[in-house]
Each structure stands twice: as C-alpha cells, then as structure tokens.
Amino acid sequence: MTTEAPRPPKIDNGTLTPGYLGDIGSEEFIEGMEFADLDLTEVDSSLATFLDSSLIRVNFGEAEAPVNLTGTRFSGTTIADSRADTWTMPRGNLLHSEISGTRIGAGVVHDSVWEKVVINNCRISYLNLRGAKLADVEFRDCVIDEIDLDRAKVSRVSFPGSTVGVFQCEGATLGNVDIRGLQPHKISGVHSLRGATIDETQLMLFAELFARELGISVE
C-alpha cells in the first residue's frame, strides 16, 4: 500500500495592506494585511481571524508574556522568519497556511485543528499537539526536540528532511503518517503507531525502543 502524501495548501496573498499593532485584538477579523517587525508581547488576539494575510519577523512574545492566540484562526496565511518563546494557541485553527524560518520554544497548540499546513525550516523545542486534529500537514526540513501527539487524530502527515528527538503518540489515531527518515531517541505510544510508515532501516534501529515499550526482554 502506498502512503498518501499531504495535500499542499492553497495560499494567494496577492497585494496586502500594511497592518499595525493596533489592528490586532481579541475577536478581530483581519483580512489581506501584512504585519512586519512587530512585538506582540502580552497582546490579546484570542478568537481573532487572520485571513489571506502574512506575518513577517514578528515576535510572538516572551516565554512569560506570550501573545494570546487561544481559539485564533489563521487561513491562507504565511508566518515567516518569526520567533515565539511560547506560542500559545490552544483550540485554534491553522488552515491552508505556511510557517517558515521560525523559532518556537514551546508550542502550546493542543486541541487545535490543522489542515493543509506546511511547517518549513523551523526550529521547535516542544510542540504540544495533544488532542489535535491534523490533516495534510508537512514538517519540512525542521528540527523538533519533542512532538506530543497524544490522543491526536493525524492523517496524511509527513516529516521530509526533518529530525525529531522524542515522538509521543499515546492514544493517537494515525493514517498515512510518513515518519520515514526520523530517528527519535524515544518513542512513546508504540502501540499507537498503527497507520504510520517507516523504512527497513528504522525497523532495525527502533527494535530496542519497540521492545522496551512493549515490555519485551531481549537477552
């Protein structure tokens, strides 16, 4: 059976209007705007919508004072060359969007919905996607220390050119999830890997991890 690849997002920003800090707020509807070189520390953008927009070289806040993106929806939007010590976006939506060249410390994005998303050339320390729904998501050329997909529903997701240190998927539902090439030093939830694709080299490399997770003694 051939693993089905993620379907690419459709993004057409066209001509954008310059956006300013004052345009961003809770429950705001933002369409066709470009935000550049902004510091969003402690900004409340909860339940806002960013449609067909872009955010470039944006600071999403310090670790103790991040922008509040709870329930925020990004659609047809690009985020590039930005920084987020803590990216706080639980129960949010990321649709037909791309994040590139961005450094994320802790991504608090549990219970969110990601559809047709590309994460490109990003450095992520910890990505909490617990209980999230992911469909057609590609992590391309990323370095991820730990990704947490516990109880997530994941379909058509791949990691080309990426590295992942810890891969958690306890209680996850996977379908067409391509993790070929990844060499995590820890996998949590081996019994939930049904629906994932690995290569023959990984099968040998993961043998000890699989045995340990399943409580099998190898002597």
Protein backbone atom coordinates (compact mmCIF):
# COMPACT_ATOMS: atom_id res chain seq x y z
CA MET A 1 0.00 0.00 0.00
CA THR A 2 1.34 3.43 -0.97
CA THR A 3 1.38 6.08 1.73
CA GLU A 4 -0.73 9.04 0.67
CA ALA A 5 1.22 12.32 0.73
CA PRO A 6 -0.10 15.52 2.33
CA ARG A 7 -2.09 17.76 0.03
CA PRO A 8 -0.49 21.20 -0.32
CA PRO A 9 -2.12 24.40 0.97
CA LYS A 10 -3.57 26.97 -1.38
CA ILE A 11 -2.17 30.39 -0.50
CA ASP A 12 -2.62 33.50 -2.63
CA ASN A 13 -1.91 36.62 -0.61
CA GLY A 14 -1.77 38.95 -3.64
CA THR A 15 -1.42 42.61 -2.72
CA LEU A 16 -1.54 43.12 1.03
CA THR A 17 -2.35 46.22 3.06
CA PRO A 18 0.19 47.20 5.75
CA GLY A 19 -1.06 46.17 9.18
CA TYR A 20 -0.23 47.77 12.53
CA LEU A 21 -0.19 46.66 16.14
CA GLY A 22 -3.49 48.41 16.80
CA ASP A 23 -5.21 46.25 14.20
CA ILE A 24 -4.63 43.11 16.27
CA GLY A 25 -7.01 42.38 19.11
CA SER A 26 -9.40 39.87 20.60
CA GLU A 27 -12.10 38.65 18.17
CA GLU A 28 -10.82 40.93 15.39
CA PHE A 29 -11.36 39.89 11.76
CA ILE A 30 -8.21 40.66 9.79
CA GLU A 31 -8.14 40.16 6.03
CA GLY A 32 -5.49 40.88 3.40
CA MET A 33 -2.97 42.52 5.76
CA GLU A 34 0.80 42.25 6.10
CA PHE A 35 2.33 42.62 9.56
CA ALA A 36 6.09 43.08 9.74
CA ASP A 37 8.61 43.66 12.53
CA LEU A 38 6.06 43.69 15.35
CA ASP A 39 6.43 42.73 19.02
CA LEU A 40 3.21 41.02 20.17
CA THR A 41 4.29 40.52 23.78
CA GLU A 42 1.17 40.29 26.01
CA VAL A 43 -1.16 41.17 23.11
CA ASP A 44 -4.61 39.56 23.38
CA SER A 45 -5.55 38.14 19.98
CA SER A 46 -7.79 35.38 21.25
CA LEU A 47 -10.61 34.26 18.95
CA ALA A 48 -9.31 36.51 16.17
CA THR A 49 -9.26 35.57 12.47
CA PHE A 50 -6.33 36.19 10.12
CA LEU A 51 -7.47 35.60 6.54
CA ASP A 52 -5.16 35.77 3.48
CA SER A 53 -2.55 37.71 5.45
CA SER A 54 1.14 37.48 6.35
CA LEU A 55 3.25 37.99 9.46
CA ILE A 56 6.97 38.56 8.89
CA ARG A 57 9.72 38.94 11.50
CA VAL A 58 7.15 39.00 14.28
CA ASN A 59 7.95 38.35 17.94
CA PHE A 60 5.05 36.37 19.39
CA GLY A 61 6.09 37.31 22.91
CA GLU A 62 8.48 36.27 25.64
CA ALA A 63 8.14 32.96 27.48
CA GLU A 64 6.31 34.55 30.42
CA ALA A 65 4.34 37.06 28.34
CA PRO A 66 3.26 35.47 25.04
CA VAL A 67 0.59 36.78 22.69
CA ASN A 68 -2.73 35.11 23.49
CA LEU A 69 -3.84 33.20 20.39
CA THR A 70 -6.37 30.98 22.14
CA GLY A 71 -9.03 29.98 19.62
CA THR A 72 -7.44 32.10 16.89
CA ARG A 73 -7.92 31.11 13.24
CA PHE A 74 -5.27 31.51 10.55
CA SER A 75 -6.42 30.78 7.00
CA GLY A 76 -4.49 31.38 3.77
CA THR A 77 -1.79 33.00 5.89
CA THR A 78 2.02 32.86 5.94
CA ILE A 79 4.22 33.36 9.01
CA ALA A 80 7.91 33.82 8.22
CA ASP A 81 11.21 34.48 9.99
CA SER A 82 9.50 34.99 13.33
CA ARG A 83 10.04 33.97 16.95
CA ALA A 84 7.86 32.61 19.71
CA ASP A 85 9.39 31.65 23.04
CA THR A 86 5.93 30.32 23.86
CA TRP A 87 3.37 30.03 21.07
CA THR A 88 0.05 29.92 22.93
CA MET A 89 -2.67 28.83 20.50
CA PRO A 90 -4.80 26.09 22.09
CA ARG A 91 -8.10 25.27 20.36
CA GLY A 92 -7.01 27.33 17.37
CA ASN A 93 -7.22 26.67 13.64
CA LEU A 94 -4.39 26.67 11.09
CA LEU A 95 -5.82 26.20 7.60
CA HIS A 96 -4.13 26.49 4.18
CA SER A 97 -1.17 28.22 5.85
CA GLU A 98 2.63 28.05 6.00
CA ILE A 99 5.09 28.79 8.80
CA SER A 100 8.73 29.11 7.70
CA GLY A 101 12.08 30.09 9.18
CA THR A 102 10.54 30.47 12.63
CA ARG A 103 11.94 29.58 16.08
CA ILE A 104 9.37 28.20 18.53
CA GLY A 105 10.29 27.36 22.11
CA ALA A 106 7.10 25.75 23.42
CA GLY A 107 4.19 25.39 21.02
CA VAL A 108 1.06 25.16 23.17
CA VAL A 109 -1.39 24.17 20.44
CA HIS A 110 -3.33 21.31 21.98
CA ASP A 111 -6.91 20.62 20.85
CA SER A 112 -6.31 22.60 17.67
CA VAL A 113 -7.20 21.86 14.04
CA TRP A 114 -4.51 21.95 11.32
CA GLU A 115 -5.49 21.36 7.71
CA LYS A 116 -3.25 21.75 4.65
CA VAL A 117 -0.31 23.27 6.53
CA VAL A 118 3.42 23.41 5.74
CA ILE A 119 5.93 23.96 8.57
CA ASN A 120 9.17 24.72 6.74
CA ASN A 121 12.71 25.13 8.09
CA CYS A 122 11.58 25.77 11.67
CA ARG A 123 13.33 25.04 14.98
CA ILE A 124 10.89 23.82 17.63
CA SER A 125 11.80 22.73 21.16
CA TYR A 126 8.43 21.27 22.19
CA LEU A 127 5.21 21.01 20.19
CA ASN A 128 2.13 20.08 22.22
CA LEU A 129 -0.49 18.82 19.78
CA ARG A 130 -2.38 16.68 22.28
CA GLY A 131 -5.96 16.05 21.22
CA ALA A 132 -5.42 17.96 17.97
CA LYS A 133 -6.74 17.07 14.51
CA LEU A 134 -4.12 17.19 11.75
CA ALA A 135 -4.80 16.54 8.07
CA ASP A 136 -2.40 17.23 5.20
CA VAL A 137 0.45 18.63 7.29
CA GLU A 138 4.10 18.61 6.22
CA PHE A 139 7.01 19.32 8.56
CA ARG A 140 9.72 20.09 6.01
CA ASP A 141 13.42 20.46 6.99
CA CYS A 142 12.54 21.13 10.64
CA VAL A 143 14.39 20.36 13.87
CA ILE A 144 11.93 19.32 16.58
CA ASP A 145 13.18 18.26 20.00
CA GLU A 146 9.84 16.78 21.06
CA ILE A 147 6.44 16.42 19.42
CA ASP A 148 3.46 15.33 21.51
CA LEU A 149 0.59 13.81 19.51
CA ASP A 150 -1.08 12.01 22.40
CA ARG A 151 -4.80 11.40 21.64
CA ALA A 152 -4.46 13.30 18.36
CA LYS A 153 -6.15 12.32 15.09
CA VAL A 154 -3.49 12.52 12.40
CA SER A 155 -3.95 11.92 8.68
CA ARG A 156 -1.57 12.48 5.74
CA VAL A 157 1.32 13.95 7.74
CA SER A 158 5.00 13.71 6.78
CA PHE A 159 8.41 14.88 8.02
CA PRO A 160 10.71 15.16 4.94
CA GLY A 161 14.22 16.28 5.84
CA SER A 162 13.26 16.77 9.49
CA THR A 163 14.64 15.45 12.76
CA VAL A 164 12.61 14.64 15.87
CA GLY A 165 14.15 13.78 19.26
CA VAL A 166 11.07 12.47 21.10
CA PHE A 167 7.95 11.22 19.32
CA GLN A 168 4.86 10.81 21.52
CA CYS A 169 1.64 9.35 20.16
CA GLU A 170 -0.07 7.64 23.10
CA GLY A 171 -3.70 7.00 22.19
CA ALA A 172 -3.32 8.70 18.80
CA THR A 173 -5.17 7.67 15.64
CA LEU A 174 -2.79 7.67 12.68
CA GLY A 175 -3.46 7.28 8.98
CA ASN A 176 -0.95 7.79 6.18
CA VAL A 177 1.60 9.23 8.61
CA ASP A 178 5.04 9.04 6.99
CA ILE A 179 7.86 9.09 9.56
CA ARG A 180 10.49 7.58 7.29
CA GLY A 181 13.92 9.05 7.95
CA LEU A 182 13.18 10.09 11.53
CA GLN A 183 15.43 8.64 14.22
CA PRO A 184 13.91 9.69 17.57
CA HIS A 185 15.78 8.51 20.64
CA LYS A 186 12.44 7.94 22.37
CA ILE A 187 9.05 6.82 21.08
CA SER A 188 6.12 6.85 23.49
CA GLY A 189 2.99 5.01 22.42
CA VAL A 190 4.46 2.38 20.09
CA HIS A 191 1.15 0.50 20.11
CA SER A 192 -0.47 3.64 18.60
CA LEU A 193 1.85 3.68 15.56
CA ARG A 194 -0.65 1.67 13.53
CA GLY A 195 -1.17 3.69 10.34
CA ALA A 196 2.39 5.04 10.25
CA THR A 197 5.01 4.22 7.61
CA ILE A 198 8.66 3.53 8.50
CA ASP A 199 11.53 2.19 6.42
CA GLU A 200 13.55 -1.00 6.87
CA THR A 201 16.50 0.81 8.45
CA GLN A 202 14.20 2.36 11.05
CA LEU A 203 12.71 -1.02 11.83
CA MET A 204 16.15 -2.22 12.87
CA LEU A 205 17.03 1.00 14.70
CA PHE A 206 13.73 1.06 16.58
CA ALA A 207 13.80 -2.60 17.60
CA GLU A 208 15.15 -1.83 21.07
CA LEU A 209 12.68 1.06 21.55
CA PHE A 210 9.78 -1.15 20.46
CA ALA A 211 10.84 -3.96 22.78
CA ARG A 212 11.22 -1.63 25.75
CA GLU A 213 7.83 0.00 25.11
CA LEU A 214 6.10 -3.36 24.77
CA GLY A 215 7.83 -4.85 27.81
CA ILE A 216 9.78 -7.43 25.80
CA SER A 217 13.11 -8.67 27.18
CA VAL A 218 15.84 -9.31 24.65
CA GLU A 219 18.65 -11.50 26.01
